[in-house]
N, C-alpha and C. Protein backbone atom coordinates (compact mmCIF):
# COMPACT_ATOMS: atom_id res chain seq x y z
N MET A 1 6.55 -17.55 -5.66
CA MET A 1 5.56 -17.72 -4.63
C MET A 1 4.30 -17.01 -5.10
N LYS A 2 3.15 -17.64 -4.90
CA LYS A 2 1.89 -17.07 -5.34
C LYS A 2 1.15 -16.41 -4.18
N PHE A 3 0.71 -15.18 -4.42
CA PHE A 3 -0.04 -14.42 -3.42
C PHE A 3 -1.44 -14.15 -3.92
N PRO A 4 -2.46 -14.39 -3.09
CA PRO A 4 -3.82 -14.01 -3.47
C PRO A 4 -3.95 -12.49 -3.46
N ILE A 5 -4.69 -11.97 -4.43
CA ILE A 5 -4.97 -10.54 -4.47
C ILE A 5 -6.47 -10.34 -4.67
N ALA A 6 -6.96 -9.23 -4.16
CA ALA A 6 -8.35 -8.83 -4.37
C ALA A 6 -8.33 -7.54 -5.18
N ILE A 7 -9.12 -7.52 -6.25
CA ILE A 7 -9.15 -6.37 -7.14
C ILE A 7 -10.53 -5.74 -7.11
N GLU A 8 -10.57 -4.48 -6.74
CA GLU A 8 -11.82 -3.74 -6.76
C GLU A 8 -12.08 -3.32 -8.21
N PRO A 9 -13.22 -3.72 -8.75
CA PRO A 9 -13.47 -3.41 -10.16
C PRO A 9 -13.39 -1.92 -10.46
N GLY A 10 -12.80 -1.61 -11.61
CA GLY A 10 -12.71 -0.23 -12.07
C GLY A 10 -13.64 -0.02 -13.25
N ASP A 11 -13.61 1.19 -13.79
CA ASP A 11 -14.40 1.49 -14.98
C ASP A 11 -13.65 2.54 -15.81
N GLU A 12 -14.34 3.24 -16.69
CA GLU A 12 -13.68 4.20 -17.57
C GLU A 12 -13.04 5.37 -16.80
N THR A 13 -13.54 5.65 -15.61
CA THR A 13 -13.03 6.80 -14.86
C THR A 13 -12.34 6.42 -13.55
N THR A 14 -12.39 5.16 -13.17
CA THR A 14 -11.82 4.72 -11.90
C THR A 14 -10.88 3.55 -12.14
N ALA A 15 -9.70 3.62 -11.56
CA ALA A 15 -8.72 2.54 -11.70
C ALA A 15 -9.19 1.30 -10.94
N PHE A 16 -8.62 0.16 -11.31
CA PHE A 16 -8.83 -1.08 -10.57
C PHE A 16 -7.93 -1.02 -9.34
N GLY A 17 -8.53 -1.10 -8.15
CA GLY A 17 -7.75 -1.08 -6.92
C GLY A 17 -7.37 -2.50 -6.51
N VAL A 18 -6.18 -2.67 -5.97
CA VAL A 18 -5.69 -4.00 -5.59
C VAL A 18 -5.23 -3.98 -4.14
N VAL A 19 -5.61 -5.01 -3.39
CA VAL A 19 -5.06 -5.23 -2.05
C VAL A 19 -4.50 -6.64 -1.99
N VAL A 20 -3.47 -6.79 -1.16
CA VAL A 20 -2.85 -8.10 -0.93
C VAL A 20 -3.16 -8.44 0.53
N PRO A 21 -4.19 -9.25 0.76
CA PRO A 21 -4.66 -9.48 2.13
C PRO A 21 -3.61 -10.02 3.09
N ASP A 22 -2.63 -10.75 2.59
CA ASP A 22 -1.63 -11.35 3.48
C ASP A 22 -0.51 -10.39 3.87
N LEU A 23 -0.41 -9.25 3.18
CA LEU A 23 0.67 -8.30 3.44
C LEU A 23 0.04 -6.97 3.86
N PRO A 24 -0.09 -6.73 5.16
CA PRO A 24 -0.77 -5.53 5.65
C PRO A 24 -0.20 -4.25 5.03
N GLY A 25 -1.10 -3.45 4.48
CA GLY A 25 -0.68 -2.18 3.88
C GLY A 25 -0.18 -2.30 2.46
N CYS A 26 -0.18 -3.49 1.89
CA CYS A 26 0.28 -3.69 0.52
C CYS A 26 -0.92 -3.52 -0.42
N PHE A 27 -0.84 -2.49 -1.25
CA PHE A 27 -1.93 -2.23 -2.18
C PHE A 27 -1.36 -1.62 -3.46
N SER A 28 -2.17 -1.58 -4.48
CA SER A 28 -1.76 -1.04 -5.76
C SER A 28 -3.01 -0.72 -6.57
N ALA A 29 -2.81 -0.38 -7.83
CA ALA A 29 -3.93 -0.08 -8.73
C ALA A 29 -3.44 -0.18 -10.17
N GLY A 30 -4.37 -0.13 -11.08
CA GLY A 30 -4.04 -0.12 -12.50
C GLY A 30 -5.23 0.34 -13.31
N ASP A 31 -4.97 1.00 -14.43
CA ASP A 31 -6.05 1.49 -15.28
C ASP A 31 -6.79 0.36 -15.98
N THR A 32 -6.11 -0.78 -16.15
CA THR A 32 -6.74 -1.97 -16.73
C THR A 32 -6.53 -3.12 -15.77
N LEU A 33 -7.27 -4.20 -16.00
CA LEU A 33 -7.10 -5.39 -15.16
C LEU A 33 -5.68 -5.94 -15.31
N GLU A 34 -5.16 -5.93 -16.52
CA GLU A 34 -3.79 -6.42 -16.76
C GLU A 34 -2.77 -5.56 -16.01
N ALA A 35 -2.95 -4.24 -16.05
CA ALA A 35 -2.04 -3.35 -15.32
C ALA A 35 -2.16 -3.55 -13.82
N ALA A 36 -3.37 -3.82 -13.35
CA ALA A 36 -3.57 -4.06 -11.92
C ALA A 36 -2.77 -5.28 -11.46
N TYR A 37 -2.79 -6.35 -12.26
CA TYR A 37 -2.01 -7.55 -11.92
C TYR A 37 -0.51 -7.25 -11.91
N ALA A 38 -0.03 -6.56 -12.95
CA ALA A 38 1.40 -6.25 -13.04
C ALA A 38 1.84 -5.35 -11.88
N ASN A 39 1.04 -4.35 -11.58
CA ASN A 39 1.38 -3.44 -10.49
C ASN A 39 1.30 -4.12 -9.13
N ALA A 40 0.41 -5.10 -9.00
CA ALA A 40 0.32 -5.86 -7.75
C ALA A 40 1.60 -6.65 -7.51
N ALA A 41 2.13 -7.26 -8.57
CA ALA A 41 3.38 -8.02 -8.43
C ALA A 41 4.51 -7.10 -7.98
N GLU A 42 4.59 -5.91 -8.55
CA GLU A 42 5.62 -4.95 -8.16
C GLU A 42 5.43 -4.50 -6.71
N ALA A 43 4.18 -4.25 -6.32
CA ALA A 43 3.90 -3.83 -4.94
C ALA A 43 4.29 -4.92 -3.94
N ILE A 44 4.02 -6.17 -4.28
CA ILE A 44 4.38 -7.29 -3.39
C ILE A 44 5.90 -7.36 -3.23
N GLU A 45 6.63 -7.26 -4.34
CA GLU A 45 8.10 -7.30 -4.26
C GLU A 45 8.63 -6.17 -3.39
N LEU A 46 8.11 -4.97 -3.59
CA LEU A 46 8.57 -3.82 -2.79
C LEU A 46 8.22 -3.98 -1.33
N TRP A 47 7.03 -4.51 -1.04
CA TRP A 47 6.61 -4.73 0.35
C TRP A 47 7.57 -5.71 1.02
N ILE A 48 7.86 -6.81 0.34
CA ILE A 48 8.74 -7.84 0.91
C ILE A 48 10.15 -7.30 1.07
N GLU A 49 10.64 -6.57 0.08
CA GLU A 49 11.99 -6.00 0.17
C GLU A 49 12.10 -5.04 1.36
N THR A 50 11.10 -4.21 1.54
CA THR A 50 11.09 -3.28 2.67
C THR A 50 11.04 -4.04 3.99
N ALA A 51 10.23 -5.07 4.06
CA ALA A 51 10.15 -5.88 5.28
C ALA A 51 11.50 -6.52 5.59
N LEU A 52 12.15 -7.07 4.57
CA LEU A 52 13.47 -7.68 4.78
C LEU A 52 14.48 -6.65 5.27
N ASP A 53 14.46 -5.46 4.66
CA ASP A 53 15.41 -4.41 5.03
C ASP A 53 15.20 -3.90 6.45
N THR A 54 13.99 -4.02 6.96
CA THR A 54 13.70 -3.52 8.30
C THR A 54 13.56 -4.63 9.33
N GLY A 55 13.91 -5.86 8.95
CA GLY A 55 13.91 -6.97 9.89
C GLY A 55 12.54 -7.52 10.24
N LYS A 56 11.54 -7.23 9.44
CA LYS A 56 10.20 -7.73 9.72
C LYS A 56 10.01 -9.12 9.12
N THR A 57 9.06 -9.84 9.67
CA THR A 57 8.75 -11.19 9.22
C THR A 57 7.82 -11.12 8.01
N ILE A 58 8.07 -11.98 7.04
CA ILE A 58 7.22 -12.07 5.86
C ILE A 58 6.17 -13.15 6.13
N PRO A 59 4.89 -12.75 6.20
CA PRO A 59 3.87 -13.78 6.43
C PRO A 59 3.69 -14.64 5.18
N PRO A 60 3.46 -15.92 5.37
CA PRO A 60 3.23 -16.78 4.20
C PRO A 60 1.88 -16.45 3.58
N PRO A 61 1.75 -16.64 2.27
CA PRO A 61 0.45 -16.37 1.64
C PRO A 61 -0.60 -17.36 2.13
N GLY A 62 -1.79 -16.84 2.38
CA GLY A 62 -2.91 -17.69 2.76
C GLY A 62 -3.58 -18.25 1.51
N SER A 63 -4.62 -19.00 1.74
CA SER A 63 -5.32 -19.60 0.61
C SER A 63 -6.30 -18.60 0.00
N LEU A 64 -6.49 -18.72 -1.28
CA LEU A 64 -7.45 -17.87 -1.98
C LEU A 64 -8.84 -18.07 -1.40
N ALA A 65 -9.23 -19.33 -1.20
CA ALA A 65 -10.56 -19.64 -0.67
C ALA A 65 -10.76 -19.03 0.71
N GLY A 66 -9.73 -19.04 1.53
CA GLY A 66 -9.84 -18.46 2.87
C GLY A 66 -10.11 -16.96 2.84
N HIS A 67 -9.51 -16.26 1.88
CA HIS A 67 -9.70 -14.81 1.79
C HIS A 67 -11.02 -14.43 1.14
N GLN A 68 -11.54 -15.29 0.27
CA GLN A 68 -12.77 -14.96 -0.45
C GLN A 68 -13.98 -14.81 0.47
N SER A 69 -13.88 -15.33 1.68
CA SER A 69 -15.00 -15.20 2.62
C SER A 69 -14.98 -13.87 3.39
N ASP A 70 -13.98 -13.02 3.15
CA ASP A 70 -13.88 -11.74 3.83
C ASP A 70 -15.00 -10.81 3.35
N PRO A 71 -15.93 -10.44 4.24
CA PRO A 71 -17.06 -9.61 3.81
C PRO A 71 -16.65 -8.22 3.32
N ASP A 72 -15.50 -7.72 3.78
CA ASP A 72 -15.03 -6.41 3.33
C ASP A 72 -14.62 -6.41 1.86
N LEU A 73 -14.38 -7.61 1.32
CA LEU A 73 -13.93 -7.71 -0.06
C LEU A 73 -14.96 -8.39 -0.95
N ALA A 74 -16.19 -8.44 -0.48
CA ALA A 74 -17.27 -9.05 -1.27
C ALA A 74 -17.46 -8.27 -2.56
N GLY A 75 -17.60 -8.98 -3.66
CA GLY A 75 -17.80 -8.35 -4.96
C GLY A 75 -16.52 -7.98 -5.67
N TRP A 76 -15.38 -8.22 -5.03
CA TRP A 76 -14.10 -7.92 -5.66
C TRP A 76 -13.70 -9.10 -6.54
N ILE A 77 -12.81 -8.85 -7.47
CA ILE A 77 -12.27 -9.90 -8.35
C ILE A 77 -11.08 -10.53 -7.63
N TRP A 78 -11.01 -11.84 -7.63
CA TRP A 78 -9.92 -12.53 -6.94
C TRP A 78 -8.96 -13.13 -7.96
N GLY A 79 -7.70 -13.12 -7.61
CA GLY A 79 -6.69 -13.71 -8.47
C GLY A 79 -5.45 -14.05 -7.68
N MET A 80 -4.49 -14.61 -8.38
CA MET A 80 -3.21 -14.97 -7.78
C MET A 80 -2.11 -14.28 -8.57
N VAL A 81 -1.11 -13.79 -7.86
CA VAL A 81 0.04 -13.17 -8.50
C VAL A 81 1.27 -13.97 -8.11
N ASP A 82 2.02 -14.40 -9.11
CA ASP A 82 3.24 -15.17 -8.88
C ASP A 82 4.42 -14.20 -8.84
N VAL A 83 5.13 -14.19 -7.72
CA VAL A 83 6.26 -13.28 -7.53
C VAL A 83 7.53 -14.12 -7.40
N ASP A 84 8.53 -13.80 -8.21
CA ASP A 84 9.80 -14.49 -8.17
C ASP A 84 10.65 -13.91 -7.03
N LEU A 85 10.71 -14.63 -5.94
CA LEU A 85 11.43 -14.13 -4.76
C LEU A 85 12.95 -14.32 -4.86
N SER A 86 13.42 -14.95 -5.92
CA SER A 86 14.87 -15.14 -6.05
C SER A 86 15.59 -13.79 -6.18
N ARG A 87 14.89 -12.75 -6.66
CA ARG A 87 15.50 -11.42 -6.74
C ARG A 87 15.74 -10.83 -5.35
N LEU A 88 15.06 -11.38 -4.36
CA LEU A 88 15.17 -10.87 -2.99
C LEU A 88 16.03 -11.77 -2.11
N ASP A 89 16.85 -12.58 -2.73
CA ASP A 89 17.72 -13.52 -2.03
C ASP A 89 18.71 -12.77 -1.15
N ASP A 90 18.75 -13.10 0.12
CA ASP A 90 19.68 -12.47 1.06
C ASP A 90 20.92 -13.33 1.32
N GLU A 91 21.16 -14.32 0.49
CA GLU A 91 22.35 -15.16 0.64
C GLU A 91 23.59 -14.26 0.46
N PRO A 92 24.54 -14.32 1.40
CA PRO A 92 25.74 -13.49 1.26
C PRO A 92 26.50 -13.83 -0.01
N GLU A 93 27.04 -12.80 -0.62
CA GLU A 93 27.84 -12.98 -1.82
C GLU A 93 29.12 -12.17 -1.68
N HIS A 94 30.24 -12.80 -1.99
CA HIS A 94 31.52 -12.12 -1.89
C HIS A 94 31.69 -11.15 -3.05
N VAL A 95 32.08 -9.92 -2.73
CA VAL A 95 32.38 -8.93 -3.76
C VAL A 95 33.70 -8.27 -3.40
N ASP A 96 34.41 -7.84 -4.41
CA ASP A 96 35.65 -7.10 -4.19
C ASP A 96 35.36 -5.62 -4.34
N VAL A 97 35.75 -4.85 -3.35
CA VAL A 97 35.57 -3.40 -3.39
C VAL A 97 36.94 -2.78 -3.13
N ILE A 98 37.29 -1.83 -3.94
CA ILE A 98 38.58 -1.16 -3.77
C ILE A 98 38.33 0.19 -3.12
N LEU A 99 38.95 0.39 -1.95
CA LEU A 99 38.81 1.63 -1.20
C LEU A 99 40.20 2.12 -0.80
N PRO A 100 40.38 3.43 -0.71
CA PRO A 100 41.65 3.94 -0.17
C PRO A 100 41.83 3.45 1.27
N ARG A 101 43.06 3.13 1.64
CA ARG A 101 43.32 2.63 3.00
C ARG A 101 42.79 3.57 4.07
N ARG A 102 42.97 4.88 3.85
CA ARG A 102 42.50 5.88 4.82
C ARG A 102 40.99 5.73 5.03
N VAL A 103 40.23 5.55 3.96
CA VAL A 103 38.78 5.41 4.06
C VAL A 103 38.43 4.09 4.74
N LEU A 104 39.13 3.04 4.39
CA LEU A 104 38.88 1.74 4.99
C LEU A 104 39.13 1.78 6.50
N ARG A 105 40.21 2.44 6.93
CA ARG A 105 40.49 2.56 8.37
C ARG A 105 39.38 3.36 9.06
N ALA A 106 38.90 4.42 8.41
CA ALA A 106 37.83 5.22 9.01
C ALA A 106 36.54 4.40 9.12
N ILE A 107 36.23 3.61 8.09
CA ILE A 107 35.04 2.75 8.12
C ILE A 107 35.16 1.73 9.25
N ASP A 108 36.31 1.07 9.33
CA ASP A 108 36.51 0.05 10.37
C ASP A 108 36.41 0.66 11.77
N SER A 109 36.99 1.84 11.95
CA SER A 109 36.94 2.50 13.25
C SER A 109 35.51 2.87 13.61
N TYR A 110 34.79 3.44 12.67
CA TYR A 110 33.40 3.83 12.92
C TYR A 110 32.54 2.60 13.22
N ALA A 111 32.69 1.57 12.41
CA ALA A 111 31.89 0.35 12.60
C ALA A 111 32.16 -0.25 13.98
N LYS A 112 33.42 -0.28 14.37
CA LYS A 112 33.78 -0.85 15.68
C LYS A 112 33.11 -0.05 16.81
N ARG A 113 33.12 1.28 16.69
CA ARG A 113 32.48 2.11 17.72
C ARG A 113 30.97 1.85 17.78
N GLN A 114 30.39 1.47 16.67
CA GLN A 114 28.95 1.18 16.61
C GLN A 114 28.64 -0.26 17.00
N GLY A 115 29.69 -1.06 17.24
CA GLY A 115 29.48 -2.47 17.58
C GLY A 115 29.10 -3.31 16.36
N GLU A 116 29.56 -2.88 15.18
CA GLU A 116 29.23 -3.56 13.94
C GLU A 116 30.50 -4.04 13.25
N THR A 117 30.33 -4.96 12.34
CA THR A 117 31.44 -5.35 11.47
C THR A 117 31.45 -4.40 10.27
N ARG A 118 32.53 -4.41 9.54
CA ARG A 118 32.63 -3.61 8.32
C ARG A 118 31.49 -3.96 7.36
N ASN A 119 31.24 -5.26 7.18
CA ASN A 119 30.20 -5.69 6.25
C ASN A 119 28.82 -5.19 6.66
N VAL A 120 28.51 -5.33 7.95
CA VAL A 120 27.20 -4.87 8.44
C VAL A 120 27.07 -3.37 8.26
N PHE A 121 28.12 -2.64 8.60
CA PHE A 121 28.06 -1.18 8.46
C PHE A 121 27.87 -0.77 7.00
N LEU A 122 28.65 -1.33 6.08
CA LEU A 122 28.54 -0.94 4.68
C LEU A 122 27.16 -1.30 4.10
N THR A 123 26.65 -2.47 4.48
CA THR A 123 25.32 -2.87 4.01
C THR A 123 24.26 -1.91 4.53
N ARG A 124 24.29 -1.62 5.82
CA ARG A 124 23.31 -0.71 6.42
C ARG A 124 23.42 0.68 5.81
N ALA A 125 24.64 1.17 5.64
CA ALA A 125 24.84 2.52 5.09
C ALA A 125 24.29 2.61 3.66
N ALA A 126 24.54 1.57 2.87
CA ALA A 126 24.04 1.58 1.49
C ALA A 126 22.52 1.55 1.47
N LEU A 127 21.91 0.68 2.28
CA LEU A 127 20.44 0.61 2.31
C LEU A 127 19.83 1.91 2.82
N ASP A 128 20.43 2.51 3.85
CA ASP A 128 19.93 3.79 4.37
C ASP A 128 19.99 4.87 3.30
N GLN A 129 21.08 4.94 2.56
CA GLN A 129 21.23 5.95 1.52
C GLN A 129 20.20 5.75 0.41
N MET A 130 19.99 4.51 0.01
CA MET A 130 19.01 4.24 -1.05
C MET A 130 17.61 4.57 -0.57
N ARG A 131 17.30 4.28 0.69
CA ARG A 131 15.99 4.62 1.24
C ARG A 131 15.77 6.12 1.25
N ARG A 132 16.81 6.87 1.65
CA ARG A 132 16.69 8.35 1.69
C ARG A 132 16.45 8.89 0.28
N GLU A 133 17.18 8.37 -0.70
CA GLU A 133 17.02 8.86 -2.06
C GLU A 133 15.67 8.48 -2.64
N THR A 134 15.15 7.32 -2.26
CA THR A 134 13.83 6.91 -2.74
C THR A 134 12.75 7.77 -2.10
N ALA A 135 12.92 8.10 -0.82
CA ALA A 135 11.93 8.90 -0.12
C ALA A 135 11.97 10.37 -0.56
N ASN A 136 13.14 10.85 -1.00
CA ASN A 136 13.31 12.25 -1.41
C ASN A 136 13.98 12.33 -2.78
N PRO A 137 13.27 11.91 -3.84
CA PRO A 137 13.90 11.95 -5.15
C PRO A 137 14.19 13.40 -5.58
N SER A 138 15.26 13.56 -6.30
CA SER A 138 15.65 14.91 -6.76
C SER A 138 14.77 15.40 -7.87
């Protein structure tokens, strides 16, 4: 999927700043124009992944021409970034996990008390743990 990006020109002492107008709060930068494009693609993937994990809607990309008329971005460099969304596929996939029966019973009991299935609980717990570790790296 292609997303329009606006790049604030940089120079020898200032990085190229990047905003993704269709994804509120999605921004990036790079020391070179090439790095700005690469970092924009990474920022878009992370923005979409976070939105999916938190149940938010992903807005479709608007047209480049439509964004170019934004007076706040006058004088910026415009481009398109192609992001492969197949990495963010939420299609369920069967996996085999081996757990001690005692642990499995505890998981099932806890999930039931929370009104969740085992699968929902394990998915949520894994995502929560990864978010905590990303927010507080060692």
